[in-house]
C-alpha cells in the first residue's frame, strides 16, 4: 500500500483539490484500516468505500 501511495504522492500537485477531498480522504483511511486489520477483504473495502462516497457526498465512484 505504501509503495503505491509513495508513487502517486509524487505526482500530486494540489492544484485540483476540491471541497470533497478531506471527507474522501477520511473515508479511504477508514477503509484501508479495516483491510489492514483483516476485518474486510480488498473487494469488500473497495465496494464499501464507493458506497460511502455515494451515500455521504452523492458522488458516484466508478
C-alpha atoms as a PDB file:
ATOM      1  CA  UNK A   1       0.000   0.000   0.000  1.00  0.00           C
ATOM      2  CA  UNK A   2       2.732   2.484   0.924  1.00  0.00           C
ATOM      3  CA  UNK A   3       4.654   1.788  -2.278  1.00  0.00           C
ATOM      4  CA  UNK A   4       1.627   2.786  -4.348  1.00  0.00           C
ATOM      5  CA  UNK A   5       0.944   5.816  -2.156  1.00  0.00           C
ATOM      6  CA  UNK A   6       4.556   6.965  -2.472  1.00  0.00           C
ATOM      7  CA  UNK A   7       4.478   6.781  -6.274  1.00  0.00           C
ATOM      8  CA  UNK A   8       1.188   8.656  -6.560  1.00  0.00           C
ATOM      9  CA  UNK A   9       2.079  11.257  -3.930  1.00  0.00           C
ATOM     10  CA  UNK A  10       4.967  12.424  -6.092  1.00  0.00           C
ATOM     11  CA  UNK A  11       2.513  13.171  -8.899  1.00  0.00           C
ATOM     12  CA  UNK A  12       0.111  15.191  -6.754  1.00  0.00           C
ATOM     13  CA  UNK A  13       0.253  18.956  -7.115  1.00  0.00           C
ATOM     14  CA  UNK A  14      -2.776  20.055  -5.116  1.00  0.00           C
ATOM     15  CA  UNK A  15      -3.997  22.257  -7.954  1.00  0.00           C
ATOM     16  CA  UNK A  16      -7.120  20.184  -8.441  1.00  0.00           C
ATOM     17  CA  UNK A  17      -8.266  19.927  -4.802  1.00  0.00           C
ATOM     18  CA  UNK A  18     -11.990  20.016  -4.194  1.00  0.00           C
ATOM     19  CA  UNK A  19     -14.286  20.585  -1.251  1.00  0.00           C
ATOM     20  CA  UNK A  20     -14.792  16.806  -1.103  1.00  0.00           C
ATOM     21  CA  UNK A  21     -11.160  15.772  -0.722  1.00  0.00           C
ATOM     22  CA  UNK A  22     -10.946  15.860   3.062  1.00  0.00           C
ATOM     23  CA  UNK A  23     -14.066  13.722   3.505  1.00  0.00           C
ATOM     24  CA  UNK A  24     -12.966  11.242   0.834  1.00  0.00           C
ATOM     25  CA  UNK A  25      -9.528  11.009   2.437  1.00  0.00           C
ATOM     26  CA  UNK A  26     -11.135  10.144   5.786  1.00  0.00           C
ATOM     27  CA  UNK A  27     -13.400   7.524   4.192  1.00  0.00           C
ATOM     28  CA  UNK A  28     -10.433   5.942   2.417  1.00  0.00           C
ATOM     29  CA  UNK A  29      -8.294   5.921   5.560  1.00  0.00           C
ATOM     30  CA  UNK A  30     -11.057   4.145   7.483  1.00  0.00           C
ATOM     31  CA  UNK A  31     -11.470   1.622   4.669  1.00  0.00           C
ATOM     32  CA  UNK A  32      -7.720   0.976   4.431  1.00  0.00           C
ATOM     33  CA  UNK A  33      -7.550   0.455   8.178  1.00  0.00           C
ATOM     34  CA  UNK A  34     -10.324  -2.154   8.014  1.00  0.00           C
ATOM     35  CA  UNK A  35      -8.396  -4.019   5.325  1.00  0.00           C
ATOM     36  CA  UNK A  36      -5.056  -3.740   7.121  1.00  0.00           C
ATOM     37  CA  UNK A  37      -6.565  -5.090  10.330  1.00  0.00           C
ATOM     38  CA  UNK A  38      -8.055  -8.046   8.470  1.00  0.00           C
ATOM     39  CA  UNK A  39     -11.650  -7.015   9.052  1.00  0.00           C
ATOM     40  CA  UNK A  40     -12.611  -6.961   5.376  1.00  0.00           C
ATOM     41  CA  UNK A  41     -11.353  -8.229   2.063  1.00  0.00           C
ATOM     42  CA  UNK A  42      -9.934  -5.859  -0.535  1.00  0.00           C
ATOM     43  CA  UNK A  43     -13.105  -6.232  -2.600  1.00  0.00           C
ATOM     44  CA  UNK A  44     -15.356  -5.503   0.406  1.00  0.00           C
ATOM     45  CA  UNK A  45     -13.332  -2.429   1.345  1.00  0.00           C
ATOM     46  CA  UNK A  46     -13.474  -1.003  -2.180  1.00  0.00           C
ATOM     47  CA  UNK A  47     -17.206  -1.636  -2.515  1.00  0.00           C
ATOM     48  CA  UNK A  48     -17.922  -0.132   0.913  1.00  0.00           C
ATOM     49  CA  UNK A  49     -15.732   2.911   0.175  1.00  0.00           C
ATOM     50  CA  UNK A  50     -17.562   3.582  -3.085  1.00  0.00           C
ATOM     51  CA  UNK A  51     -20.922   3.232  -1.353  1.00  0.00           C
ATOM     52  CA  UNK A  52     -19.870   5.581   1.475  1.00  0.00           C
ATOM     53  CA  UNK A  53     -18.816   8.281  -1.015  1.00  0.00           C
ATOM     54  CA  UNK A  54     -22.114   7.871  -2.874  1.00  0.00           C
ATOM     55  CA  UNK A  55     -24.242   7.920   0.287  1.00  0.00           C
ATOM     56  CA  UNK A  56     -22.471  10.780   2.069  1.00  0.00           C
ATOM     57  CA  UNK A  57     -21.422  13.024  -0.829  1.00  0.00           C
ATOM     58  CA  UNK A  58     -23.786  11.988  -3.627  1.00  0.00           C
ATOM     59  CA  UNK A  59     -20.814  11.197  -5.862  1.00  0.00           C
ATOM     60  CA  UNK A  60     -20.762   8.008  -7.889  1.00  0.00           C
ATOM     61  CA  UNK A  61     -17.349   6.349  -7.941  1.00  0.00           C
ATOM     62  CA  UNK A  62     -16.749   4.034 -10.879  1.00  0.00           C
END
